[in-house]
Amino acid sequence: VGFAPAAPNRHEWLIGLMEGVEDIPG
């Protein structure tokens, strides 16, 4: 899990992935 590469329309999806896996507030 991480934030690159990141297509502009995938920012929210990547945040949701990190929040779900690592319990970091979205």
PDB file of all heavy atoms in Angstrom:
ATOM      1  N   VAL A   1       0.831  -1.196   0.000  1.00  0.00           N
ATOM      2  CA  VAL A   1       0.000   0.000   0.000  1.00  0.00           C
ATOM      3  C   VAL A   1       0.870   1.252   0.000  1.00  0.00           C
ATOM      4  O   VAL A   1       1.907   1.303   0.646  1.00  0.00           O
ATOM      5  CB  VAL A   1      -0.976   0.034   1.197  1.00  0.00           C
ATOM      6  CG1 VAL A   1      -2.048  -1.019   1.024  1.00  0.00           C
ATOM      7  CG2 VAL A   1      -0.253  -0.161   2.518  1.00  0.00           C
ATOM      8  N   GLY A   2       0.424   2.240  -0.760  1.00  0.00           N
ATOM      9  CA  GLY A   2       1.153   3.495  -0.888  1.00  0.00           C
ATOM     10  C   GLY A   2       0.417   4.387  -1.867  1.00  0.00           C
ATOM     11  O   GLY A   2      -0.702   4.089  -2.292  1.00  0.00           O
ATOM     12  N   PHE A   3       1.068   5.465  -2.278  1.00  0.00           N
ATOM     13  CA  PHE A   3       0.366   6.499  -3.032  1.00  0.00           C
ATOM     14  C   PHE A   3       1.004   6.837  -4.372  1.00  0.00           C
ATOM     15  O   PHE A   3       0.754   7.910  -4.919  1.00  0.00           O
ATOM     16  CB  PHE A   3       0.248   7.753  -2.162  1.00  0.00           C
ATOM     17  CG  PHE A   3      -0.543   7.505  -0.910  1.00  0.00           C
ATOM     18  CD1 PHE A   3       0.083   7.531   0.332  1.00  0.00           C
ATOM     19  CD2 PHE A   3      -1.889   7.218  -0.967  1.00  0.00           C
ATOM     20  CE1 PHE A   3      -0.641   7.288   1.486  1.00  0.00           C
ATOM     21  CE2 PHE A   3      -2.621   6.958   0.184  1.00  0.00           C
ATOM     22  CZ  PHE A   3      -1.998   7.003   1.416  1.00  0.00           C
ATOM     23  N   ALA A   4       1.780   5.923  -4.910  1.00  0.00           N
ATOM     24  CA  ALA A   4       2.326   6.144  -6.248  1.00  0.00           C
ATOM     25  C   ALA A   4       2.674   4.791  -6.864  1.00  0.00           C
ATOM     26  O   ALA A   4       3.125   3.887  -6.157  1.00  0.00           O
ATOM     27  CB  ALA A   4       3.564   7.037  -6.201  1.00  0.00           C
ATOM     28  N   PRO A   5       2.434   4.686  -8.196  1.00  0.00           N
ATOM     29  CA  PRO A   5       1.871   5.703  -9.082  1.00  0.00           C
ATOM     30  C   PRO A   5       0.390   5.950  -8.764  1.00  0.00           C
ATOM     31  O   PRO A   5      -0.282   5.078  -8.217  1.00  0.00           O
ATOM     32  CB  PRO A   5       2.050   5.107 -10.471  1.00  0.00           C
ATOM     33  CG  PRO A   5       2.037   3.615 -10.234  1.00  0.00           C
ATOM     34  CD  PRO A   5       2.718   3.422  -8.913  1.00  0.00           C
ATOM     35  N   ALA A   6      -0.079   7.161  -9.136  1.00  0.00           N
ATOM     36  CA  ALA A   6      -1.449   7.532  -8.788  1.00  0.00           C
ATOM     37  C   ALA A   6      -2.093   8.294  -9.927  1.00  0.00           C
ATOM     38  O   ALA A   6      -1.779   9.465 -10.153  1.00  0.00           O
ATOM     39  CB  ALA A   6      -1.438   8.391  -7.524  1.00  0.00           C
ATOM     40  N   ALA A   7      -2.984   7.633 -10.647  1.00  0.00           N
ATOM     41  CA  ALA A   7      -3.779   8.344 -11.657  1.00  0.00           C
ATOM     42  C   ALA A   7      -4.668   9.348 -10.949  1.00  0.00           C
ATOM     43  O   ALA A   7      -5.136   9.105  -9.829  1.00  0.00           O
ATOM     44  CB  ALA A   7      -4.618   7.356 -12.454  1.00  0.00           C
ATOM     45  N   PRO A   8      -4.925  10.498 -11.542  1.00  0.00           N
ATOM     46  CA  PRO A   8      -5.732  11.535 -10.872  1.00  0.00           C
ATOM     47  C   PRO A   8      -7.087  11.059 -10.380  1.00  0.00           C
ATOM     48  O   PRO A   8      -7.583  11.543  -9.357  1.00  0.00           O
ATOM     49  CB  PRO A   8      -5.869  12.609 -11.954  1.00  0.00           C
ATOM     50  CG  PRO A   8      -4.656  12.435 -12.812  1.00  0.00           C
ATOM     51  CD  PRO A   8      -4.389  10.960 -12.839  1.00  0.00           C
ATOM     52  N   ASN A   9      -7.682  10.100 -11.083  1.00  0.00           N
ATOM     53  CA  ASN A   9      -9.003   9.627 -10.652  1.00  0.00           C
ATOM     54  C   ASN A   9      -8.926   8.479  -9.651  1.00  0.00           C
ATOM     55  O   ASN A   9      -9.947   7.873  -9.321  1.00  0.00           O
ATOM     56  CB  ASN A   9      -9.827   9.193 -11.864  1.00  0.00           C
ATOM     57  CG  ASN A   9      -9.226   7.990 -12.575  1.00  0.00           C
ATOM     58  OD1 ASN A   9      -8.076   7.615 -12.328  1.00  0.00           O
ATOM     59  ND2 ASN A   9     -10.007   7.375 -13.460  1.00  0.00           N
ATOM     60  N   ARG A  10      -7.718   8.164  -9.163  1.00  0.00           N
ATOM     61  CA  ARG A  10      -7.545   7.055  -8.233  1.00  0.00           C
ATOM     62  C   ARG A  10      -7.121   7.518  -6.837  1.00  0.00           C
ATOM     63  O   ARG A  10      -6.835   6.687  -5.973  1.00  0.00           O
ATOM     64  CB  ARG A  10      -6.501   6.062  -8.787  1.00  0.00           C
ATOM     65  CG  ARG A  10      -7.050   5.094  -9.814  1.00  0.00           C
ATOM     66  CD  ARG A  10      -8.181   4.258  -9.226  1.00  0.00           C
ATOM     67  NE  ARG A  10      -8.353   3.003  -9.903  1.00  0.00           N
ATOM     68  CZ  ARG A  10      -9.203   2.045  -9.521  1.00  0.00           C
ATOM     69  NH1 ARG A  10      -9.934   2.240  -8.462  1.00  0.00           N
ATOM     70  NH2 ARG A  10      -9.316   0.929 -10.183  1.00  0.00           N
ATOM     71  N   HIS A  11      -7.069   8.808  -6.596  1.00  0.00           N
ATOM     72  CA  HIS A  11      -6.620   9.292  -5.293  1.00  0.00           C
ATOM     73  C   HIS A  11      -7.494   8.772  -4.160  1.00  0.00           C
ATOM     74  O   HIS A  11      -6.994   8.255  -3.149  1.00  0.00           O
ATOM     75  CB  HIS A  11      -6.601  10.823  -5.279  1.00  0.00           C
ATOM     76  CG  HIS A  11      -5.592  11.426  -6.196  1.00  0.00           C
ATOM     77  ND1 HIS A  11      -5.476  12.788  -6.382  1.00  0.00           N
ATOM     78  CD2 HIS A  11      -4.638  10.865  -6.983  1.00  0.00           C
ATOM     79  CE1 HIS A  11      -4.495  13.029  -7.246  1.00  0.00           C
ATOM     80  NE2 HIS A  11      -3.997  11.875  -7.634  1.00  0.00           N
ATOM     81  N   GLU A  12      -8.789   8.890  -4.307  1.00  0.00           N
ATOM     82  CA  GLU A  12      -9.706   8.454  -3.256  1.00  0.00           C
ATOM     83  C   GLU A  12      -9.609   6.951  -3.030  1.00  0.00           C
ATOM     84  O   GLU A  12      -9.657   6.471  -1.885  1.00  0.00           O
ATOM     85  CB  GLU A  12     -11.133   8.847  -3.625  1.00  0.00           C
ATOM     86  CG  GLU A  12     -12.152   8.557  -2.533  1.00  0.00           C
ATOM     87  CD  GLU A  12     -13.547   9.050  -2.874  1.00  0.00           C
ATOM     88  OE1 GLU A  12     -13.684   9.864  -3.819  1.00  0.00           O
ATOM     89  OE2 GLU A  12     -14.503   8.627  -2.202  1.00  0.00           O
ATOM     90  N   TRP A  13      -9.445   6.196  -4.109  1.00  0.00           N
ATOM     91  CA  TRP A  13      -9.319   4.736  -3.988  1.00  0.00           C
ATOM     92  C   TRP A  13      -8.062   4.369  -3.204  1.00  0.00           C
ATOM     93  O   TRP A  13      -8.101   3.486  -2.327  1.00  0.00           O
ATOM     94  CB  TRP A  13      -9.274   4.125  -5.389  1.00  0.00           C
ATOM     95  CG  TRP A  13      -9.305   2.625  -5.410  1.00  0.00           C
ATOM     96  CD1 TRP A  13     -10.413   1.823  -5.472  1.00  0.00           C
ATOM     97  CD2 TRP A  13      -8.174   1.738  -5.388  1.00  0.00           C
ATOM     98  NE1 TRP A  13     -10.045   0.496  -5.486  1.00  0.00           N
ATOM     99  CE2 TRP A  13      -8.678   0.410  -5.428  1.00  0.00           C
ATOM    100  CE3 TRP A  13      -6.796   1.932  -5.326  1.00  0.00           C
ATOM    101  CZ2 TRP A  13      -7.841  -0.697  -5.416  1.00  0.00           C
ATOM    102  CZ3 TRP A  13      -5.959   0.822  -5.299  1.00  0.00           C
ATOM    103  CH2 TRP A  13      -6.480  -0.482  -5.350  1.00  0.00           C
ATOM    104  N   LEU A  14      -6.946   5.034  -3.484  1.00  0.00           N
ATOM    105  CA  LEU A  14      -5.694   4.741  -2.786  1.00  0.00           C
ATOM    106  C   LEU A  14      -5.786   5.116  -1.315  1.00  0.00           C
ATOM    107  O   LEU A  14      -5.258   4.403  -0.449  1.00  0.00           O
ATOM    108  CB  LEU A  14      -4.534   5.477  -3.455  1.00  0.00           C
ATOM    109  CG  LEU A  14      -4.139   4.974  -4.842  1.00  0.00           C
ATOM    110  CD1 LEU A  14      -3.141   5.922  -5.492  1.00  0.00           C
ATOM    111  CD2 LEU A  14      -3.547   3.558  -4.765  1.00  0.00           C
ATOM    112  N   ILE A  15      -6.465   6.210  -1.023  1.00  0.00           N
ATOM    113  CA  ILE A  15      -6.666   6.588   0.379  1.00  0.00           C
ATOM    114  C   ILE A  15      -7.516   5.545   1.086  1.00  0.00           C
ATOM    115  O   ILE A  15      -7.220   5.138   2.220  1.00  0.00           O
ATOM    116  CB  ILE A  15      -7.314   7.986   0.466  1.00  0.00           C
ATOM    117  CG1 ILE A  15      -6.292   9.066   0.092  1.00  0.00           C
ATOM    118  CG2 ILE A  15      -7.870   8.249   1.869  1.00  0.00           C
ATOM    119  CD1 ILE A  15      -6.877  10.465  -0.001  1.00  0.00           C
ATOM    120  N   GLY A  16      -8.574   5.070   0.440  1.00  0.00           N
ATOM    121  CA  GLY A  16      -9.420   4.044   1.034  1.00  0.00           C
ATOM    122  C   GLY A  16      -8.673   2.747   1.275  1.00  0.00           C
ATOM    123  O   GLY A  16      -8.927   2.048   2.270  1.00  0.00           O
ATOM    124  N   LEU A  17      -7.756   2.417   0.373  1.00  0.00           N
ATOM    125  CA  LEU A  17      -6.949   1.212   0.548  1.00  0.00           C
ATOM    126  C   LEU A  17      -6.052   1.358   1.779  1.00  0.00           C
ATOM    127  O   LEU A  17      -5.980   0.456   2.620  1.00  0.00           O
ATOM    128  CB  LEU A  17      -6.105   0.963  -0.702  1.00  0.00           C
ATOM    129  CG  LEU A  17      -5.344  -0.360  -0.762  1.00  0.00           C
ATOM    130  CD1 LEU A  17      -6.302  -1.543  -0.791  1.00  0.00           C
ATOM    131  CD2 LEU A  17      -4.421  -0.395  -1.985  1.00  0.00           C
ATOM    132  N   MET A  18      -5.364   2.494   1.908  1.00  0.00           N
ATOM    133  CA  MET A  18      -4.484   2.720   3.049  1.00  0.00           C
ATOM    134  C   MET A  18      -5.276   2.789   4.352  1.00  0.00           C
ATOM    135  O   MET A  18      -4.864   2.217   5.371  1.00  0.00           O
ATOM    136  CB  MET A  18      -3.681   4.012   2.853  1.00  0.00           C
ATOM    137  CG  MET A  18      -2.709   4.322   3.982  1.00  0.00           C
ATOM    138  SD  MET A  18      -1.314   3.164   4.102  1.00  0.00           S
ATOM    139  CE  MET A  18      -0.251   3.803   2.796  1.00  0.00           C
ATOM    140  N   GLU A  19      -6.416   3.458   4.331  1.00  0.00           N
ATOM    141  CA  GLU A  19      -7.224   3.571   5.543  1.00  0.00           C
ATOM    142  C   GLU A  19      -7.702   2.196   6.004  1.00  0.00           C
ATOM    143  O   GLU A  19      -7.670   1.879   7.201  1.00  0.00           O
ATOM    144  CB  GLU A  19      -8.415   4.487   5.307  1.00  0.00           C
ATOM    145  CG  GLU A  19      -9.283   4.685   6.557  1.00  0.00           C
ATOM    146  CD  GLU A  19     -10.408   5.677   6.357  1.00  0.00           C
ATOM    147  OE1 GLU A  19     -10.698   6.029   5.188  1.00  0.00           O
ATOM    148  OE2 GLU A  19     -11.004   6.103   7.363  1.00  0.00           O
ATOM    149  N   GLY A  20      -8.128   1.362   5.070  1.00  0.00           N
ATOM    150  CA  GLY A  20      -8.628   0.052   5.440  1.00  0.00           C
ATOM    151  C   GLY A  20      -7.547  -0.876   5.937  1.00  0.00           C
ATOM    152  O   GLY A  20      -7.720  -1.591   6.926  1.00  0.00           O
ATOM    153  N   VAL A  21      -6.397  -0.879   5.273  1.00  0.00           N
ATOM    154  CA  VAL A  21      -5.316  -1.803   5.618  1.00  0.00           C
ATOM    155  C   VAL A  21      -4.575  -1.336   6.863  1.00  0.00           C
ATOM    156  O   VAL A  21      -4.260  -2.128   7.755  1.00  0.00           O
ATOM    157  CB  VAL A  21      -4.333  -1.958   4.442  1.00  0.00           C
ATOM    158  CG1 VAL A  21      -3.106  -2.768   4.849  1.00  0.00           C
ATOM    159  CG2 VAL A  21      -5.036  -2.610   3.255  1.00  0.00           C
ATOM    160  N   GLU A  22      -4.275  -0.050   6.934  1.00  0.00           N
ATOM    161  CA  GLU A  22      -3.358   0.444   7.962  1.00  0.00           C
ATOM    162  C   GLU A  22      -4.005   1.366   8.992  1.00  0.00           C
ATOM    163  O   GLU A  22      -3.302   1.945   9.828  1.00  0.00           O
ATOM    164  CB  GLU A  22      -2.174   1.160   7.298  1.00  0.00           C
ATOM    165  CG  GLU A  22      -1.390   0.291   6.326  1.00  0.00           C
ATOM    166  CD  GLU A  22      -0.779  -0.953   6.980  1.00  0.00           C
ATOM    167  OE1 GLU A  22      -0.650  -0.972   8.217  1.00  0.00           O
ATOM    168  OE2 GLU A  22      -0.442  -1.903   6.249  1.00  0.00           O
ATOM    169  N   ASP A  23      -5.322   1.529   8.940  1.00  0.00           N
ATOM    170  CA  ASP A  23      -6.036   2.314   9.952  1.00  0.00           C
ATOM    171  C   ASP A  23      -5.433   3.714  10.113  1.00  0.00           C
ATOM    172  O   ASP A  23      -5.188   4.184  11.220  1.00  0.00           O
ATOM    173  CB  ASP A  23      -6.040   1.574  11.293  1.00  0.00           C
ATOM    174  CG  ASP A  23      -6.885   2.272  12.364  1.00  0.00           C
ATOM    175  OD1 ASP A  23      -7.853   2.949  11.982  1.00  0.00           O
ATOM    176  OD2 ASP A  23      -6.547   2.155  13.555  1.00  0.00           O
ATOM    177  N   ILE A  24      -5.159   4.367   8.986  1.00  0.00           N
ATOM    178  CA  ILE A  24      -4.739   5.765   8.976  1.00  0.00           C
ATOM    179  C   ILE A  24      -5.950   6.581   8.525  1.00  0.00           C
ATOM    180  O   ILE A  24      -6.509   6.294   7.463  1.00  0.00           O
ATOM    181  CB  ILE A  24      -3.552   5.997   8.031  1.00  0.00           C
ATOM    182  CG1 ILE A  24      -2.374   5.106   8.434  1.00  0.00           C
ATOM    183  CG2 ILE A  24      -3.134   7.461   8.031  1.00  0.00           C
ATOM    184  CD1 ILE A  24      -1.212   5.143   7.449  1.00  0.00           C
ATOM    185  N   PRO A  25      -6.381   7.564   9.301  1.00  0.00           N
ATOM    186  CA  PRO A  25      -7.618   8.273   8.954  1.00  0.00           C
ATOM    187  C   PRO A  25      -7.605   8.821   7.530  1.00  0.00           C
ATOM    188  O   PRO A  25      -6.711   9.578   7.141  1.00  0.00           O
ATOM    189  CB  PRO A  25      -7.674   9.404   9.986  1.00  0.00           C
ATOM    190  CG  PRO A  25      -6.886   8.895  11.147  1.00  0.00           C
ATOM    191  CD  PRO A  25      -5.788   8.066  10.545  1.00  0.00           C
ATOM    192  N   GLY A  26      -8.611   8.439   6.746  1.00  0.00           N
ATOM    193  CA  GLY A  26      -8.686   8.907   5.367  1.00  0.00           C
ATOM    194  C   GLY A  26      -8.829  10.412   5.269  1.00  0.00           C
ATOM    195  O   GLY A  26      -8.309  11.039   4.342  1.00  0.00           O
TER     196      GLY A  26
END
